[in-house]
Every structure is written in C-alpha cells, then in structure tokens.
Amino acid sequence: YDIYHRPANIFVGTFIGSPPLNLFSCALRSEGATPFLVSPVFHLPLATAVARHLSGSAEELTLGVRPEFVILGPKREESFPARVTLIESLGSRTLIFLEARGQELRAVVQGEATVREGETVHVTFALEHAFFFDRQGRRIETRDSG
C-alpha cells in the first residue's frame, strides 16, 4: 500500500503501478500570495500548505501524477489543453494517451472513454494525490503528520 501511495523516490513511483506515473519537470513560483507550479505544460495554483512543504527544495521539482488522478473535463483555471493521441480499452477501465506541448501523459477513466482520438480536451490533476520529488528524485512529504 505505502509503496504505491507514498513512494520513497521516482524509481519506486514509476516501477509500481500500471500504467506508470506521469512525471513533469516543474518549479514553484509565487504570484502575489498565490503559489503556482509552473512547467512548459501547465501553470497550476497550489495549496499554500503544500507550497510551504515544497519551498525548501523547490527550485526544481518533479511532479508525479498517477493516471487515475488525471481528470478530463471542462476548461478551468487549473486546466490545460491536451490532444488525445490513443484510446485503449482495458475492460472496465479505459487508458487514454494524451499529448500536451510535446509531453506525453496518460489518464485512466472508469468505463468507456467519452473522448475521441484527435480531440483536444482539458486536463486537471487531483493534486491532493500527487507526488513531489526533489532534484535527487526523493519524494518530498507534503502532508502534515497526525
């Protein structure tokens, strides 16, 4: 359970789980009082409590998001566009391959896909389930103990 939900590093995070963890190089930036996670693909507002945990090691980060926490839906402030490149039925789930500004990512949805190959969709992440890794690939704890 912990290996999947709290991997110690990028290697473990990508080795455990199929399809593998989506990884994005990014940095923590502040705009006024609002912290953002910034990459060539996205500009995501971040909870202040999470940003506080990241601020000590945040010049360069890797964001890890499991495919089941990649959400396809309406355009929102925290969403970014991606093109559907492939749809693969896995029985009760569907694996959707996406491309956003040259970066490939994967989403898993329950049931059949409601999108089509070639379509542009809006992607958000369930960041409460995301992982953050430092420059050495070690997971940064972003939740308070207790």
N, C-alpha and C. Protein backbone atom coordinates (compact mmCIF):
# COMPACT_ATOMS: atom_id res chain seq x y z
N TYR A 1 0.83 -1.20 0.00
CA TYR A 1 0.00 0.00 0.00
C TYR A 1 0.87 1.26 0.00
N ASP A 2 1.81 1.35 0.95
CA ASP A 2 2.66 2.54 1.04
C ASP A 2 3.53 2.73 -0.19
N ILE A 3 4.01 1.63 -0.78
CA ILE A 3 4.87 1.75 -1.96
C ILE A 3 4.10 2.43 -3.09
N TYR A 4 2.83 2.12 -3.23
CA TYR A 4 2.02 2.72 -4.29
C TYR A 4 1.60 4.15 -3.93
N HIS A 5 1.14 4.34 -2.70
CA HIS A 5 0.57 5.63 -2.29
C HIS A 5 1.58 6.61 -1.71
N ARG A 6 2.77 6.12 -1.35
CA ARG A 6 3.79 7.00 -0.78
C ARG A 6 5.18 6.52 -1.20
N PRO A 7 5.45 6.50 -2.51
CA PRO A 7 6.75 6.00 -2.96
C PRO A 7 7.89 6.88 -2.44
N ALA A 8 8.98 6.24 -2.05
CA ALA A 8 10.12 6.96 -1.48
C ALA A 8 10.85 7.80 -2.53
N ASN A 9 10.78 7.38 -3.80
CA ASN A 9 11.51 8.10 -4.84
C ASN A 9 10.86 7.86 -6.20
N ILE A 10 11.39 8.52 -7.22
CA ILE A 10 10.84 8.41 -8.57
C ILE A 10 10.91 6.99 -9.08
N PHE A 11 12.02 6.29 -8.83
CA PHE A 11 12.15 4.92 -9.33
C PHE A 11 11.01 4.05 -8.82
N VAL A 12 10.76 4.08 -7.54
CA VAL A 12 9.69 3.27 -6.95
C VAL A 12 8.34 3.73 -7.49
N GLY A 13 8.14 5.03 -7.61
CA GLY A 13 6.87 5.56 -8.11
C GLY A 13 6.56 5.13 -9.52
N THR A 14 7.59 5.00 -10.36
CA THR A 14 7.36 4.61 -11.75
C THR A 14 7.37 3.09 -11.92
N PHE A 15 8.05 2.38 -11.03
CA PHE A 15 8.14 0.92 -11.13
C PHE A 15 6.84 0.25 -10.69
N ILE A 16 6.22 0.80 -9.65
CA ILE A 16 4.98 0.24 -9.09
C ILE A 16 3.79 0.96 -9.73
N GLY A 17 2.89 0.20 -10.29
CA GLY A 17 1.69 0.77 -10.88
C GLY A 17 1.71 0.66 -12.39
N SER A 18 0.57 0.31 -12.95
CA SER A 18 0.44 0.21 -14.39
C SER A 18 -0.91 0.78 -14.78
N PRO A 19 -0.96 1.74 -15.65
CA PRO A 19 0.16 2.39 -16.34
C PRO A 19 1.00 3.20 -15.36
N PRO A 20 2.24 3.52 -15.76
CA PRO A 20 3.16 4.19 -14.83
C PRO A 20 2.78 5.63 -14.52
N LEU A 21 3.43 6.14 -13.50
CA LEU A 21 3.29 7.51 -13.03
C LEU A 21 3.62 8.50 -14.15
N ASN A 22 2.82 9.54 -14.29
CA ASN A 22 3.14 10.65 -15.19
C ASN A 22 4.11 11.57 -14.46
N LEU A 23 5.19 11.97 -15.12
CA LEU A 23 6.20 12.83 -14.49
C LEU A 23 6.35 14.13 -15.28
N PHE A 24 6.45 15.24 -14.54
CA PHE A 24 6.59 16.56 -15.15
C PHE A 24 7.66 17.36 -14.41
N SER A 25 8.64 17.88 -15.14
CA SER A 25 9.62 18.80 -14.54
C SER A 25 8.94 20.14 -14.36
N CYS A 26 9.09 20.73 -13.19
CA CYS A 26 8.43 22.00 -12.92
C CYS A 26 9.15 22.75 -11.81
N ALA A 27 8.64 23.92 -11.48
CA ALA A 27 9.21 24.75 -10.42
C ALA A 27 8.08 25.41 -9.64
N LEU A 28 8.37 25.79 -8.43
CA LEU A 28 7.42 26.50 -7.58
C LEU A 28 7.65 28.00 -7.76
N ARG A 29 6.60 28.73 -8.07
CA ARG A 29 6.67 30.18 -8.25
C ARG A 29 5.53 30.82 -7.47
N SER A 30 5.75 32.07 -7.05
CA SER A 30 4.69 32.81 -6.35
C SER A 30 4.28 33.99 -7.20
N GLU A 31 2.99 34.23 -7.23
CA GLU A 31 2.45 35.42 -7.87
C GLU A 31 1.58 36.08 -6.82
N GLY A 32 2.14 37.11 -6.21
CA GLY A 32 1.47 37.71 -5.06
C GLY A 32 1.50 36.69 -3.93
N ALA A 33 0.35 36.42 -3.34
CA ALA A 33 0.27 35.47 -2.24
C ALA A 33 -0.03 34.05 -2.72
N THR A 34 -0.20 33.88 -4.05
CA THR A 34 -0.60 32.58 -4.58
C THR A 34 0.59 31.81 -5.11
N PRO A 35 0.83 30.61 -4.57
CA PRO A 35 1.89 29.77 -5.13
C PRO A 35 1.38 29.02 -6.36
N PHE A 36 2.25 28.84 -7.34
CA PHE A 36 1.93 28.12 -8.56
C PHE A 36 3.01 27.09 -8.85
N LEU A 37 2.61 26.01 -9.47
CA LEU A 37 3.51 25.01 -10.01
C LEU A 37 3.58 25.29 -11.51
N VAL A 38 4.77 25.55 -12.02
CA VAL A 38 4.93 26.01 -13.39
C VAL A 38 5.82 25.06 -14.17
N SER A 39 5.38 24.73 -15.39
CA SER A 39 6.15 23.92 -16.32
C SER A 39 5.82 24.40 -17.72
N PRO A 40 6.48 23.88 -18.75
CA PRO A 40 6.10 24.25 -20.11
C PRO A 40 4.67 23.80 -20.46
N VAL A 41 4.13 22.84 -19.71
CA VAL A 41 2.81 22.28 -19.99
C VAL A 41 1.70 22.98 -19.20
N PHE A 42 1.97 23.38 -17.96
CA PHE A 42 0.90 23.91 -17.11
C PHE A 42 1.38 25.03 -16.21
N HIS A 43 0.39 25.71 -15.62
CA HIS A 43 0.57 26.79 -14.65
C HIS A 43 -0.53 26.56 -13.61
N LEU A 44 -0.21 25.77 -12.57
CA LEU A 44 -1.24 25.28 -11.64
C LEU A 44 -1.19 25.98 -10.29
N PRO A 45 -2.31 26.53 -9.82
CA PRO A 45 -2.34 27.06 -8.47
C PRO A 45 -2.15 25.92 -7.48
N LEU A 46 -1.44 26.19 -6.42
CA LEU A 46 -1.07 25.16 -5.44
C LEU A 46 -1.55 25.59 -4.07
N ALA A 47 -2.03 24.65 -3.28
CA ALA A 47 -2.45 24.96 -1.91
C ALA A 47 -1.26 25.52 -1.13
N THR A 48 -1.51 26.56 -0.35
CA THR A 48 -0.44 27.21 0.41
C THR A 48 0.26 26.22 1.35
N ALA A 49 -0.51 25.32 1.97
CA ALA A 49 0.09 24.34 2.89
C ALA A 49 1.06 23.42 2.16
N VAL A 50 0.71 23.01 0.94
CA VAL A 50 1.61 22.16 0.15
C VAL A 50 2.84 22.95 -0.26
N ALA A 51 2.64 24.18 -0.72
CA ALA A 51 3.76 25.02 -1.14
C ALA A 51 4.75 25.24 0.00
N ARG A 52 4.25 25.37 1.21
CA ARG A 52 5.12 25.56 2.38
C ARG A 52 6.06 24.37 2.54
N HIS A 53 5.57 23.15 2.33
CA HIS A 53 6.40 21.96 2.42
C HIS A 53 7.44 21.90 1.30
N LEU A 54 7.10 22.45 0.14
CA LEU A 54 7.98 22.38 -1.01
C LEU A 54 9.01 23.50 -1.06
N SER A 55 8.76 24.60 -0.36
CA SER A 55 9.57 25.80 -0.54
C SER A 55 11.05 25.61 -0.23
N GLY A 56 11.42 24.69 0.62
CA GLY A 56 12.83 24.49 0.94
C GLY A 56 13.60 23.83 -0.18
N SER A 57 12.94 23.09 -1.05
CA SER A 57 13.65 22.33 -2.08
C SER A 57 13.04 22.56 -3.46
N ALA A 58 12.43 23.71 -3.65
CA ALA A 58 11.54 23.85 -4.79
C ALA A 58 12.09 24.55 -6.02
N GLU A 59 13.36 24.82 -6.13
CA GLU A 59 13.82 25.44 -7.37
C GLU A 59 13.49 24.55 -8.56
N GLU A 60 13.79 23.28 -8.45
CA GLU A 60 13.44 22.34 -9.50
C GLU A 60 12.77 21.14 -8.85
N LEU A 61 11.59 20.81 -9.33
CA LEU A 61 10.81 19.70 -8.80
C LEU A 61 10.38 18.79 -9.92
N THR A 62 10.00 17.59 -9.56
CA THR A 62 9.30 16.71 -10.49
C THR A 62 7.95 16.41 -9.86
N LEU A 63 6.91 16.68 -10.60
CA LEU A 63 5.55 16.36 -10.18
C LEU A 63 5.22 14.98 -10.72
N GLY A 64 4.70 14.11 -9.86
CA GLY A 64 4.25 12.78 -10.27
C GLY A 64 2.76 12.65 -10.05
N VAL A 65 2.04 12.25 -11.10
CA VAL A 65 0.59 12.10 -11.00
C VAL A 65 0.21 10.74 -11.59
N ARG A 66 -0.43 9.92 -10.79
CA ARG A 66 -0.88 8.62 -11.29
C ARG A 66 -2.00 8.85 -12.31
N PRO A 67 -2.08 8.00 -13.35
CA PRO A 67 -3.09 8.20 -14.40
C PRO A 67 -4.52 8.27 -13.91
N GLU A 68 -4.85 7.61 -12.81
CA GLU A 68 -6.22 7.68 -12.30
C GLU A 68 -6.55 9.02 -11.67
N PHE A 69 -5.53 9.88 -11.45
CA PHE A 69 -5.75 11.21 -10.89
C PHE A 69 -5.55 12.31 -11.94
N VAL A 70 -5.54 11.91 -13.22
CA VAL A 70 -5.56 12.85 -14.34
C VAL A 70 -7.03 12.94 -14.76
N ILE A 71 -7.59 14.14 -14.69
CA ILE A 71 -9.02 14.33 -14.90
C ILE A 71 -9.26 15.08 -16.21
N LEU A 72 -10.13 14.52 -17.04
CA LEU A 72 -10.51 15.16 -18.29
C LEU A 72 -11.88 15.79 -18.07
N GLY A 73 -11.99 17.09 -18.32
CA GLY A 73 -13.26 17.74 -18.05
C GLY A 73 -13.31 19.12 -18.64
N PRO A 74 -14.16 19.97 -18.07
CA PRO A 74 -14.34 21.32 -18.62
C PRO A 74 -13.10 22.19 -18.38
N LYS A 75 -12.98 23.23 -19.19
CA LYS A 75 -11.89 24.19 -19.03
C LYS A 75 -12.05 24.91 -17.70
N ARG A 76 -10.95 24.97 -16.94
CA ARG A 76 -10.95 25.65 -15.64
C ARG A 76 -9.64 26.41 -15.51
N GLU A 77 -9.53 27.23 -14.48
CA GLU A 77 -8.29 27.99 -14.27
C GLU A 77 -7.09 27.06 -14.18
N GLU A 78 -7.27 25.91 -13.53
CA GLU A 78 -6.15 25.00 -13.31
C GLU A 78 -6.03 23.91 -14.37
N SER A 79 -6.78 24.02 -15.46
CA SER A 79 -6.69 23.01 -16.51
C SER A 79 -5.74 23.47 -17.61
N PHE A 80 -5.34 22.53 -18.45
CA PHE A 80 -4.53 22.84 -19.62
C PHE A 80 -4.98 21.94 -20.76
N PRO A 81 -4.81 22.40 -22.01
CA PRO A 81 -5.27 21.60 -23.14
C PRO A 81 -4.30 20.47 -23.47
N ALA A 82 -4.86 19.37 -23.94
CA ALA A 82 -4.06 18.23 -24.40
C ALA A 82 -4.83 17.54 -25.51
N ARG A 83 -4.10 16.94 -26.42
CA ARG A 83 -4.71 16.24 -27.55
C ARG A 83 -4.71 14.75 -27.26
N VAL A 84 -5.85 14.10 -27.49
CA VAL A 84 -5.98 12.66 -27.31
C VAL A 84 -5.25 11.99 -28.49
N THR A 85 -4.25 11.15 -28.18
CA THR A 85 -3.48 10.50 -29.25
C THR A 85 -3.83 9.03 -29.41
N LEU A 86 -4.32 8.39 -28.34
CA LEU A 86 -4.66 6.97 -28.43
C LEU A 86 -5.62 6.62 -27.29
N ILE A 87 -6.56 5.75 -27.57
CA ILE A 87 -7.50 5.26 -26.56
C ILE A 87 -7.42 3.74 -26.57
N GLU A 88 -7.22 3.17 -25.38
CA GLU A 88 -7.06 1.72 -25.25
C GLU A 88 -8.02 1.20 -24.18
N SER A 89 -8.95 0.35 -24.58
CA SER A 89 -9.90 -0.23 -23.64
C SER A 89 -9.20 -1.30 -22.80
N LEU A 90 -9.41 -1.23 -21.49
CA LEU A 90 -8.84 -2.21 -20.57
C LEU A 90 -9.95 -3.01 -19.89
N GLY A 91 -11.08 -3.11 -20.53
CA GLY A 91 -12.23 -3.79 -19.92
C GLY A 91 -13.08 -2.79 -19.18
N SER A 92 -13.01 -2.79 -17.85
CA SER A 92 -13.83 -1.88 -17.06
C SER A 92 -13.25 -0.47 -16.99
N ARG A 93 -12.02 -0.31 -17.47
CA ARG A 93 -11.37 1.00 -17.48
C ARG A 93 -10.87 1.29 -18.90
N THR A 94 -10.57 2.56 -19.14
CA THR A 94 -10.01 2.96 -20.43
C THR A 94 -8.76 3.79 -20.19
N LEU A 95 -7.70 3.44 -20.91
CA LEU A 95 -6.44 4.18 -20.85
C LEU A 95 -6.43 5.17 -22.00
N ILE A 96 -6.18 6.44 -21.68
CA ILE A 96 -6.18 7.50 -22.68
C ILE A 96 -4.79 8.13 -22.71
N PHE A 97 -4.15 8.07 -23.87
CA PHE A 97 -2.86 8.71 -24.06
C PHE A 97 -3.11 10.12 -24.58
N LEU A 98 -2.37 11.07 -24.01
CA LEU A 98 -2.54 12.48 -24.35
C LEU A 98 -1.19 13.10 -24.66
N GLU A 99 -1.22 14.22 -25.38
CA GLU A 99 -0.01 14.97 -25.66
C GLU A 99 -0.31 16.43 -25.39
N ALA A 100 0.53 17.06 -24.57
CA ALA A 100 0.37 18.48 -24.24
C ALA A 100 1.72 19.16 -24.42
N ARG A 101 1.83 20.01 -25.42
CA ARG A 101 3.07 20.75 -25.71
C ARG A 101 4.30 19.84 -25.75
N GLY A 102 4.17 18.72 -26.42
CA GLY A 102 5.29 17.80 -26.60
C GLY A 102 5.46 16.79 -25.49
N GLN A 103 4.71 16.90 -24.41
CA GLN A 103 4.82 15.97 -23.28
C GLN A 103 3.69 14.95 -23.36
N GLU A 104 4.05 13.67 -23.30
CA GLU A 104 3.04 12.63 -23.27
C GLU A 104 2.57 12.42 -21.84
N LEU A 105 1.28 12.17 -21.67
CA LEU A 105 0.75 11.79 -20.37
C LEU A 105 -0.37 10.79 -20.58
N ARG A 106 -0.72 10.10 -19.50
CA ARG A 106 -1.74 9.06 -19.55
C ARG A 106 -2.80 9.33 -18.50
N ALA A 107 -4.05 9.04 -18.88
CA ALA A 107 -5.17 9.13 -17.96
C ALA A 107 -5.91 7.80 -17.99
N VAL A 108 -6.46 7.41 -16.86
CA VAL A 108 -7.30 6.21 -16.79
C VAL A 108 -8.67 6.66 -16.31
N VAL A 109 -9.70 6.27 -17.07
CA VAL A 109 -11.07 6.59 -16.68
C VAL A 109 -11.85 5.29 -16.50
N GLN A 110 -12.85 5.32 -15.64
CA GLN A 110 -13.72 4.16 -15.45
C GLN A 110 -14.66 4.05 -16.64
N GLY A 111 -14.92 2.84 -17.06
CA GLY A 111 -15.85 2.62 -18.17
C GLY A 111 -15.22 2.99 -19.50
N GLU A 112 -16.09 3.36 -20.43
CA GLU A 112 -15.63 3.70 -21.77
C GLU A 112 -15.29 5.18 -21.88
N ALA A 113 -14.39 5.49 -22.79
CA ALA A 113 -13.97 6.88 -23.00
C ALA A 113 -15.10 7.69 -23.60
N THR A 114 -15.22 8.93 -23.16
CA THR A 114 -16.20 9.84 -23.74
C THR A 114 -15.52 10.83 -24.67
N VAL A 115 -14.23 10.59 -24.94
CA VAL A 115 -13.46 11.44 -25.85
C VAL A 115 -13.04 10.60 -27.05
N ARG A 116 -12.56 11.27 -28.09
CA ARG A 116 -12.12 10.56 -29.29
C ARG A 116 -10.68 10.94 -29.63
N GLU A 117 -10.00 10.04 -30.32
CA GLU A 117 -8.64 10.32 -30.78
C GLU A 117 -8.65 11.56 -31.66
N GLY A 118 -7.64 12.42 -31.46
CA GLY A 118 -7.53 13.66 -32.21
C GLY A 118 -8.22 14.83 -31.55
N GLU A 119 -9.09 14.57 -30.60
CA GLU A 119 -9.83 15.62 -29.91
C GLU A 119 -8.92 16.34 -28.91
N THR A 120 -9.16 17.64 -28.71
CA THR A 120 -8.46 18.39 -27.67
C THR A 120 -9.37 18.43 -26.45
N VAL A 121 -8.80 18.09 -25.30
CA VAL A 121 -9.54 18.04 -24.04
C VAL A 121 -8.85 18.94 -23.02
N HIS A 122 -9.51 19.18 -21.92
CA HIS A 122 -8.93 19.96 -20.83
C HIS A 122 -8.57 19.01 -19.69
N VAL A 123 -7.34 19.16 -19.21
CA VAL A 123 -6.79 18.24 -18.20
C VAL A 123 -6.57 18.99 -16.90
N THR A 124 -6.97 18.38 -15.80
CA THR A 124 -6.61 18.86 -14.47
C THR A 124 -6.06 17.66 -13.71
N PHE A 125 -5.36 17.96 -12.64
CA PHE A 125 -4.81 16.91 -11.79
C PHE A 125 -5.48 16.98 -10.42
N ALA A 126 -5.71 15.83 -9.81
CA ALA A 126 -6.14 15.79 -8.41
C ALA A 126 -4.85 15.91 -7.58
N LEU A 127 -4.41 17.16 -7.38
CA LEU A 127 -3.11 17.40 -6.75
C LEU A 127 -3.02 16.89 -5.32
N GLU A 128 -4.17 16.69 -4.68
CA GLU A 128 -4.12 16.13 -3.32
C GLU A 128 -3.57 14.70 -3.32
N HIS A 129 -3.53 14.07 -4.50
CA HIS A 129 -2.99 12.72 -4.62
C HIS A 129 -1.66 12.69 -5.37
N ALA A 130 -1.11 13.86 -5.68
CA ALA A 130 0.13 13.94 -6.45
C ALA A 130 1.35 13.74 -5.55
N PHE A 131 2.47 13.46 -6.19
CA PHE A 131 3.75 13.33 -5.51
C PHE A 131 4.67 14.42 -6.01
N PHE A 132 5.55 14.87 -5.13
CA PHE A 132 6.55 15.86 -5.50
C PHE A 132 7.91 15.27 -5.16
N PHE A 133 8.82 15.35 -6.12
CA PHE A 133 10.15 14.78 -5.93
C PHE A 133 11.19 15.89 -6.07
N ASP A 134 12.25 15.80 -5.25
CA ASP A 134 13.31 16.80 -5.32
C ASP A 134 14.26 16.50 -6.47
N ARG A 135 15.29 17.29 -6.61
CA ARG A 135 16.24 17.17 -7.71
C ARG A 135 16.92 15.80 -7.74
N GLN A 136 17.07 15.18 -6.57
CA GLN A 136 17.68 13.84 -6.49
C GLN A 136 16.67 12.72 -6.69
N GLY A 137 15.40 13.07 -6.90
CA GLY A 137 14.38 12.07 -7.15
C GLY A 137 13.71 11.52 -5.90
N ARG A 138 14.00 12.11 -4.73
CA ARG A 138 13.37 11.66 -3.48
C ARG A 138 12.03 12.38 -3.29
N ARG A 139 11.04 11.62 -2.79
CA ARG A 139 9.72 12.22 -2.55
C ARG A 139 9.80 13.21 -1.41
N ILE A 140 9.15 14.36 -1.59
CA ILE A 140 9.05 15.39 -0.56
C ILE A 140 7.71 15.19 0.12
N GLU A 141 7.72 15.05 1.41
CA GLU A 141 6.47 14.88 2.17
C GLU A 141 5.73 16.22 2.17
N THR A 142 4.47 16.20 1.75
CA THR A 142 3.69 17.45 1.66
C THR A 142 2.47 17.42 2.57
N ARG A 143 2.36 16.38 3.38
CA ARG A 143 1.22 16.30 4.30
C ARG A 143 1.72 16.34 5.73
N ASP A 144 1.04 17.10 6.56
CA ASP A 144 1.41 17.15 7.96
C ASP A 144 1.12 15.81 8.61
N SER A 145 1.99 15.38 9.53
CA SER A 145 1.78 14.12 10.24
C SER A 145 0.62 14.28 11.22
N GLY A 146 -0.01 13.16 11.52
CA GLY A 146 -1.06 13.18 12.53
C GLY A 146 -2.34 13.05 11.97
